[in-house]
Amino acid sequence: MDLARWQYHFENGSKEAVVNALSYYQNEDGGFGHALGPDAWNPNSSPIQTWYATEILREINFTDNSHPVIKGILDYLASGKDFNGRYWYNIIESNDDYPHAPWWDMVTGSTAHDDYNPTAWYWQRTCQGFGG
């Protein structure tokens, strides 16, 4: 992932190469996991890992809402998984089953900021960029 981003920014690499590398972190449900963010190695989809994927897409100005990666993101969000009606959870239970930074721990991690990242407002704003 980092190499594709480096090549895009500094070696005339393509957006498609970045999106292709990103797709390896996407799960069947459309969410992202598999240590896309290096401090949480949970292979399961999580809102934070999915948020990070959208940040990469925004970084390269990739907005093709017909692309399977973006369709998957929108499907994952529409499923309501890890959403409480107001915000998506920063910390999910399955994090505890895989190596992770202490702030992603379900038992000891801080949840004081759960209602700020990522919020429904954020996803609405982000998805509008994808035509959603």
N, C-alpha and C. Protein backbone atom coordinates (compact mmCIF):
# COMPACT_ATOMS: atom_id res chain seq x y z
N MET A 1 0.82 -1.18 0.00
CA MET A 1 0.00 0.00 0.00
C MET A 1 0.87 1.25 0.00
N ASP A 2 1.84 1.27 0.89
CA ASP A 2 2.70 2.45 0.98
C ASP A 2 3.51 2.67 -0.29
N LEU A 3 3.97 1.58 -0.89
CA LEU A 3 4.74 1.70 -2.12
C LEU A 3 3.87 2.28 -3.25
N ALA A 4 2.65 1.80 -3.37
CA ALA A 4 1.74 2.32 -4.41
C ALA A 4 1.46 3.81 -4.18
N ARG A 5 1.28 4.20 -2.92
CA ARG A 5 1.05 5.62 -2.62
C ARG A 5 2.29 6.44 -2.95
N TRP A 6 3.47 5.94 -2.58
CA TRP A 6 4.72 6.63 -2.89
C TRP A 6 4.85 6.82 -4.40
N GLN A 7 4.63 5.73 -5.13
CA GLN A 7 4.76 5.82 -6.58
C GLN A 7 3.76 6.81 -7.17
N TYR A 8 2.55 6.83 -6.64
CA TYR A 8 1.55 7.78 -7.14
C TYR A 8 2.02 9.23 -6.92
N HIS A 9 2.50 9.52 -5.74
CA HIS A 9 2.86 10.90 -5.40
C HIS A 9 4.21 11.36 -5.97
N PHE A 10 5.16 10.42 -6.11
CA PHE A 10 6.51 10.85 -6.44
C PHE A 10 7.12 10.23 -7.70
N GLU A 11 6.45 9.22 -8.26
CA GLU A 11 7.05 8.54 -9.42
C GLU A 11 6.06 8.37 -10.56
N ASN A 12 5.08 9.25 -10.62
CA ASN A 12 4.09 9.23 -11.69
C ASN A 12 3.30 7.93 -11.73
N GLY A 13 3.06 7.34 -10.55
CA GLY A 13 2.26 6.13 -10.47
C GLY A 13 0.78 6.44 -10.70
N SER A 14 -0.01 5.41 -10.81
CA SER A 14 -1.42 5.60 -11.15
C SER A 14 -2.35 5.47 -9.94
N LYS A 15 -3.49 6.10 -10.06
CA LYS A 15 -4.55 5.93 -9.05
C LYS A 15 -4.98 4.47 -9.00
N GLU A 16 -5.05 3.85 -10.17
CA GLU A 16 -5.50 2.46 -10.26
C GLU A 16 -4.59 1.53 -9.45
N ALA A 17 -3.30 1.80 -9.46
CA ALA A 17 -2.37 0.96 -8.68
C ALA A 17 -2.63 1.12 -7.19
N VAL A 18 -2.94 2.33 -6.75
CA VAL A 18 -3.25 2.57 -5.34
C VAL A 18 -4.54 1.86 -4.97
N VAL A 19 -5.56 2.00 -5.80
CA VAL A 19 -6.84 1.35 -5.52
C VAL A 19 -6.70 -0.17 -5.54
N ASN A 20 -5.91 -0.68 -6.45
CA ASN A 20 -5.66 -2.12 -6.52
C ASN A 20 -5.00 -2.61 -5.22
N ALA A 21 -3.97 -1.90 -4.77
CA ALA A 21 -3.31 -2.28 -3.51
C ALA A 21 -4.29 -2.18 -2.34
N LEU A 22 -5.10 -1.16 -2.33
CA LEU A 22 -6.09 -0.98 -1.26
C LEU A 22 -7.09 -2.12 -1.24
N SER A 23 -7.44 -2.64 -2.39
CA SER A 23 -8.46 -3.69 -2.47
C SER A 23 -8.07 -4.96 -1.72
N TYR A 24 -6.78 -5.19 -1.52
CA TYR A 24 -6.33 -6.37 -0.79
C TYR A 24 -6.69 -6.31 0.70
N TYR A 25 -7.00 -5.14 1.18
CA TYR A 25 -7.37 -4.97 2.58
C TYR A 25 -8.88 -5.01 2.79
N GLN A 26 -9.64 -5.07 1.70
CA GLN A 26 -11.10 -5.03 1.78
C GLN A 26 -11.65 -6.44 1.96
N ASN A 27 -12.63 -6.55 2.84
CA ASN A 27 -13.31 -7.82 3.10
C ASN A 27 -14.54 -7.97 2.22
N GLU A 28 -15.11 -9.17 2.22
CA GLU A 28 -16.30 -9.44 1.40
C GLU A 28 -17.47 -8.54 1.75
N ASP A 29 -17.56 -8.10 3.01
CA ASP A 29 -18.67 -7.23 3.41
C ASP A 29 -18.47 -5.78 2.97
N GLY A 30 -17.31 -5.48 2.35
CA GLY A 30 -17.03 -4.14 1.84
C GLY A 30 -16.21 -3.29 2.79
N GLY A 31 -16.13 -3.71 4.06
CA GLY A 31 -15.33 -2.98 5.03
C GLY A 31 -13.86 -3.36 4.92
N PHE A 32 -13.04 -2.65 5.66
CA PHE A 32 -11.59 -2.86 5.59
C PHE A 32 -11.05 -3.34 6.93
N GLY A 33 -10.00 -4.14 6.85
CA GLY A 33 -9.29 -4.66 8.00
C GLY A 33 -7.88 -5.02 7.57
N HIS A 34 -7.35 -6.11 8.10
CA HIS A 34 -6.04 -6.66 7.69
C HIS A 34 -4.89 -5.68 7.89
N ALA A 35 -4.94 -4.90 8.96
CA ALA A 35 -3.84 -3.98 9.30
C ALA A 35 -3.65 -2.87 8.27
N LEU A 36 -4.73 -2.43 7.65
CA LEU A 36 -4.60 -1.26 6.78
C LEU A 36 -4.03 -0.11 7.58
N GLY A 37 -4.56 0.11 8.77
CA GLY A 37 -3.93 1.00 9.74
C GLY A 37 -2.96 0.14 10.55
N PRO A 38 -1.68 0.46 10.58
CA PRO A 38 -0.69 -0.46 11.10
C PRO A 38 -0.77 -0.76 12.60
N ASP A 39 -1.58 -0.05 13.34
CA ASP A 39 -1.64 -0.31 14.78
C ASP A 39 -2.83 -1.17 15.18
N ALA A 40 -3.52 -1.76 14.21
CA ALA A 40 -4.62 -2.69 14.49
C ALA A 40 -4.60 -3.78 13.43
N TRP A 41 -4.16 -4.96 13.80
CA TRP A 41 -3.99 -6.05 12.84
C TRP A 41 -5.21 -6.92 12.69
N ASN A 42 -6.33 -6.49 13.17
CA ASN A 42 -7.58 -7.23 13.06
C ASN A 42 -7.92 -7.41 11.59
N PRO A 43 -8.12 -8.65 11.11
CA PRO A 43 -8.47 -8.85 9.71
C PRO A 43 -9.94 -8.51 9.43
N ASN A 44 -10.75 -8.43 10.47
CA ASN A 44 -12.18 -8.16 10.29
C ASN A 44 -12.43 -6.69 9.96
N SER A 45 -13.52 -6.44 9.29
CA SER A 45 -13.88 -5.06 8.95
C SER A 45 -14.15 -4.26 10.20
N SER A 46 -13.70 -3.04 10.18
CA SER A 46 -14.00 -2.12 11.28
C SER A 46 -14.22 -0.73 10.71
N PRO A 47 -15.01 0.07 11.41
CA PRO A 47 -15.25 1.43 10.93
C PRO A 47 -13.97 2.26 10.78
N ILE A 48 -13.04 2.12 11.72
CA ILE A 48 -11.82 2.92 11.65
C ILE A 48 -10.96 2.52 10.46
N GLN A 49 -10.82 1.22 10.23
CA GLN A 49 -10.03 0.77 9.08
C GLN A 49 -10.71 1.22 7.77
N THR A 50 -12.03 1.19 7.75
CA THR A 50 -12.77 1.63 6.56
C THR A 50 -12.62 3.13 6.37
N TRP A 51 -12.67 3.87 7.47
CA TRP A 51 -12.43 5.32 7.40
C TRP A 51 -11.06 5.60 6.80
N TYR A 52 -10.06 4.83 7.25
CA TYR A 52 -8.71 5.03 6.74
C TYR A 52 -8.65 4.77 5.23
N ALA A 53 -9.38 3.78 4.76
CA ALA A 53 -9.44 3.52 3.32
C ALA A 53 -10.02 4.72 2.57
N THR A 54 -11.06 5.33 3.13
CA THR A 54 -11.65 6.50 2.46
C THR A 54 -10.68 7.66 2.43
N GLU A 55 -9.85 7.78 3.46
CA GLU A 55 -8.85 8.84 3.47
C GLU A 55 -7.82 8.63 2.36
N ILE A 56 -7.45 7.39 2.12
CA ILE A 56 -6.51 7.10 1.03
C ILE A 56 -7.16 7.43 -0.32
N LEU A 57 -8.43 7.06 -0.48
CA LEU A 57 -9.13 7.38 -1.72
C LEU A 57 -9.24 8.89 -1.92
N ARG A 58 -9.51 9.61 -0.85
CA ARG A 58 -9.57 11.08 -0.94
C ARG A 58 -8.19 11.67 -1.26
N GLU A 59 -7.15 11.08 -0.69
CA GLU A 59 -5.78 11.53 -0.92
C GLU A 59 -5.44 11.53 -2.42
N ILE A 60 -5.93 10.54 -3.14
CA ILE A 60 -5.62 10.44 -4.58
C ILE A 60 -6.78 10.95 -5.44
N ASN A 61 -7.78 11.53 -4.79
CA ASN A 61 -8.95 12.08 -5.48
C ASN A 61 -9.63 11.03 -6.36
N PHE A 62 -9.82 9.85 -5.79
CA PHE A 62 -10.49 8.76 -6.50
C PHE A 62 -11.96 8.77 -6.10
N THR A 63 -12.84 9.09 -7.03
CA THR A 63 -14.26 9.25 -6.71
C THR A 63 -15.18 8.45 -7.63
N ASP A 64 -14.67 7.43 -8.27
CA ASP A 64 -15.47 6.62 -9.19
C ASP A 64 -16.44 5.75 -8.38
N ASN A 65 -17.66 6.24 -8.20
CA ASN A 65 -18.63 5.52 -7.36
C ASN A 65 -19.14 4.23 -7.99
N SER A 66 -18.73 3.93 -9.20
CA SER A 66 -19.10 2.65 -9.80
C SER A 66 -18.02 1.58 -9.56
N HIS A 67 -16.91 1.99 -8.98
CA HIS A 67 -15.82 1.05 -8.72
C HIS A 67 -16.19 0.12 -7.57
N PRO A 68 -15.86 -1.16 -7.67
CA PRO A 68 -16.22 -2.13 -6.62
C PRO A 68 -15.71 -1.77 -5.22
N VAL A 69 -14.56 -1.14 -5.12
CA VAL A 69 -14.04 -0.76 -3.80
C VAL A 69 -14.98 0.24 -3.14
N ILE A 70 -15.40 1.25 -3.87
CA ILE A 70 -16.30 2.26 -3.29
C ILE A 70 -17.68 1.67 -3.06
N LYS A 71 -18.17 0.88 -4.00
CA LYS A 71 -19.46 0.22 -3.78
C LYS A 71 -19.42 -0.63 -2.51
N GLY A 72 -18.31 -1.32 -2.29
CA GLY A 72 -18.16 -2.14 -1.10
C GLY A 72 -18.21 -1.30 0.18
N ILE A 73 -17.53 -0.17 0.16
CA ILE A 73 -17.55 0.73 1.32
C ILE A 73 -18.97 1.16 1.62
N LEU A 74 -19.68 1.58 0.60
CA LEU A 74 -21.06 2.04 0.80
C LEU A 74 -21.95 0.90 1.30
N ASP A 75 -21.74 -0.31 0.79
CA ASP A 75 -22.50 -1.47 1.28
C ASP A 75 -22.20 -1.75 2.74
N TYR A 76 -20.93 -1.70 3.11
CA TYR A 76 -20.54 -1.93 4.50
C TYR A 76 -21.21 -0.92 5.42
N LEU A 77 -21.16 0.34 5.05
CA LEU A 77 -21.78 1.38 5.88
C LEU A 77 -23.28 1.21 5.95
N ALA A 78 -23.90 0.89 4.84
CA ALA A 78 -25.36 0.72 4.81
C ALA A 78 -25.81 -0.48 5.64
N SER A 79 -24.91 -1.44 5.86
CA SER A 79 -25.28 -2.62 6.64
C SER A 79 -25.55 -2.29 8.11
N GLY A 80 -25.00 -1.18 8.59
CA GLY A 80 -25.18 -0.80 9.99
C GLY A 80 -24.29 -1.56 10.94
N LYS A 81 -23.39 -2.38 10.43
CA LYS A 81 -22.48 -3.13 11.30
C LYS A 81 -21.63 -2.16 12.12
N ASP A 82 -21.53 -2.41 13.41
CA ASP A 82 -20.74 -1.58 14.33
C ASP A 82 -21.22 -0.12 14.37
N PHE A 83 -22.51 0.08 14.18
CA PHE A 83 -23.14 1.40 14.23
C PHE A 83 -24.24 1.36 15.28
N ASN A 84 -24.31 2.37 16.11
CA ASN A 84 -25.30 2.36 17.18
C ASN A 84 -26.48 3.29 16.91
N GLY A 85 -26.62 3.78 15.70
CA GLY A 85 -27.70 4.71 15.37
C GLY A 85 -27.24 6.15 15.39
N ARG A 86 -26.10 6.40 16.00
CA ARG A 86 -25.55 7.75 16.08
C ARG A 86 -24.12 7.83 15.57
N TYR A 87 -23.34 6.80 15.85
CA TYR A 87 -21.95 6.77 15.41
C TYR A 87 -21.47 5.34 15.26
N TRP A 88 -20.39 5.19 14.47
CA TRP A 88 -19.74 3.90 14.33
C TRP A 88 -18.73 3.77 15.45
N TYR A 89 -18.57 2.56 15.94
CA TYR A 89 -17.65 2.32 17.04
C TYR A 89 -16.20 2.42 16.58
N ASN A 90 -15.38 3.10 17.39
CA ASN A 90 -13.94 3.14 17.13
C ASN A 90 -13.30 1.82 17.47
N ILE A 91 -13.75 1.22 18.55
CA ILE A 91 -13.15 -0.01 19.06
C ILE A 91 -14.16 -1.13 18.92
N ILE A 92 -13.74 -2.22 18.29
CA ILE A 92 -14.63 -3.37 18.13
C ILE A 92 -14.05 -4.57 18.88
N GLU A 93 -14.93 -5.45 19.31
CA GLU A 93 -14.53 -6.58 20.15
C GLU A 93 -13.43 -7.43 19.55
N SER A 94 -13.52 -7.72 18.27
CA SER A 94 -12.54 -8.63 17.67
C SER A 94 -11.13 -8.06 17.64
N ASN A 95 -10.95 -6.77 17.91
CA ASN A 95 -9.60 -6.22 18.02
C ASN A 95 -8.77 -6.98 19.05
N ASP A 96 -9.42 -7.38 20.14
CA ASP A 96 -8.71 -8.04 21.24
C ASP A 96 -8.12 -9.39 20.85
N ASP A 97 -8.55 -9.96 19.73
CA ASP A 97 -8.07 -11.26 19.28
C ASP A 97 -6.81 -11.17 18.41
N TYR A 98 -6.36 -9.97 18.12
CA TYR A 98 -5.22 -9.77 17.21
C TYR A 98 -4.30 -8.70 17.78
N PRO A 99 -3.04 -8.68 17.34
CA PRO A 99 -2.14 -7.63 17.82
C PRO A 99 -2.71 -6.24 17.51
N HIS A 100 -2.57 -5.35 18.49
CA HIS A 100 -3.10 -3.99 18.33
C HIS A 100 -2.46 -3.05 19.34
N ALA A 101 -2.50 -1.78 19.03
CA ALA A 101 -2.03 -0.77 19.97
C ALA A 101 -3.00 -0.73 21.16
N PRO A 102 -2.55 -0.31 22.31
CA PRO A 102 -3.39 -0.35 23.51
C PRO A 102 -4.68 0.46 23.39
N TRP A 103 -4.67 1.51 22.59
CA TRP A 103 -5.88 2.32 22.48
C TRP A 103 -6.98 1.65 21.66
N TRP A 104 -6.68 0.53 21.00
CA TRP A 104 -7.71 -0.22 20.27
C TRP A 104 -8.20 -1.43 21.07
N ASP A 105 -7.81 -1.53 22.33
CA ASP A 105 -8.21 -2.64 23.18
C ASP A 105 -9.63 -2.41 23.71
N MET A 106 -10.48 -3.40 23.58
CA MET A 106 -11.88 -3.28 23.99
C MET A 106 -12.01 -3.09 25.50
N VAL A 107 -11.15 -3.75 26.27
CA VAL A 107 -11.26 -3.68 27.72
C VAL A 107 -10.62 -2.42 28.27
N THR A 108 -9.41 -2.11 27.84
CA THR A 108 -8.70 -0.98 28.43
C THR A 108 -8.65 0.25 27.54
N GLY A 109 -9.05 0.13 26.28
CA GLY A 109 -8.98 1.27 25.36
C GLY A 109 -9.95 2.37 25.75
N SER A 110 -9.58 3.59 25.42
CA SER A 110 -10.44 4.73 25.73
C SER A 110 -11.57 4.81 24.71
N THR A 111 -12.79 4.90 25.18
CA THR A 111 -13.94 5.08 24.28
C THR A 111 -14.53 6.47 24.43
N ALA A 112 -13.82 7.36 25.09
CA ALA A 112 -14.33 8.70 25.34
C ALA A 112 -14.59 9.48 24.06
N HIS A 113 -13.93 9.12 22.99
CA HIS A 113 -14.08 9.86 21.74
C HIS A 113 -14.89 9.11 20.70
N ASP A 114 -15.59 8.05 21.10
CA ASP A 114 -16.34 7.25 20.13
C ASP A 114 -17.32 8.05 19.30
N ASP A 115 -17.93 9.07 19.89
CA ASP A 115 -18.95 9.78 19.13
C ASP A 115 -18.37 10.85 18.20
N TYR A 116 -17.06 10.90 18.07
CA TYR A 116 -16.46 11.89 17.19
C TYR A 116 -15.78 11.31 15.96
N ASN A 117 -15.44 10.04 15.97
CA ASN A 117 -14.66 9.52 14.86
C ASN A 117 -15.01 8.06 14.64
N PRO A 118 -15.58 7.68 13.56
CA PRO A 118 -16.20 8.51 12.53
C PRO A 118 -17.69 8.69 12.80
N THR A 119 -18.19 9.85 12.62
CA THR A 119 -19.60 10.15 12.86
C THR A 119 -20.41 9.96 11.58
N ALA A 120 -21.71 9.93 11.74
CA ALA A 120 -22.58 9.86 10.57
C ALA A 120 -22.37 11.08 9.68
N TRP A 121 -22.14 12.23 10.29
CA TRP A 121 -21.87 13.45 9.53
C TRP A 121 -20.64 13.26 8.65
N TYR A 122 -19.58 12.69 9.23
CA TYR A 122 -18.36 12.46 8.46
C TYR A 122 -18.63 11.56 7.27
N TRP A 123 -19.31 10.42 7.52
CA TRP A 123 -19.57 9.47 6.44
C TRP A 123 -20.45 10.10 5.36
N GLN A 124 -21.43 10.90 5.78
CA GLN A 124 -22.29 11.55 4.79
C GLN A 124 -21.44 12.46 3.91
N ARG A 125 -20.58 13.24 4.52
CA ARG A 125 -19.73 14.16 3.78
C ARG A 125 -18.77 13.38 2.87
N THR A 126 -18.19 12.32 3.37
CA THR A 126 -17.25 11.52 2.59
C THR A 126 -17.95 10.85 1.43
N CYS A 127 -19.09 10.23 1.70
CA CYS A 127 -19.80 9.49 0.65
C CYS A 127 -20.35 10.40 -0.43
N GLN A 128 -20.62 11.66 -0.10
CA GLN A 128 -21.06 12.59 -1.13
C GLN A 128 -19.97 12.76 -2.17
N GLY A 129 -18.70 12.71 -1.73
CA GLY A 129 -17.58 12.78 -2.66
C GLY A 129 -17.54 11.59 -3.61
N PHE A 130 -18.17 10.48 -3.20
CA PHE A 130 -18.22 9.29 -4.03
C PHE A 130 -19.54 9.19 -4.78
N GLY A 131 -20.34 10.22 -4.70
CA GLY A 131 -21.62 10.21 -5.39
C GLY A 131 -22.71 9.52 -4.61
N GLY A 132 -22.45 9.19 -3.33
CA GLY A 132 -23.42 8.48 -2.48
C GLY A 132 -24.32 9.40 -1.73
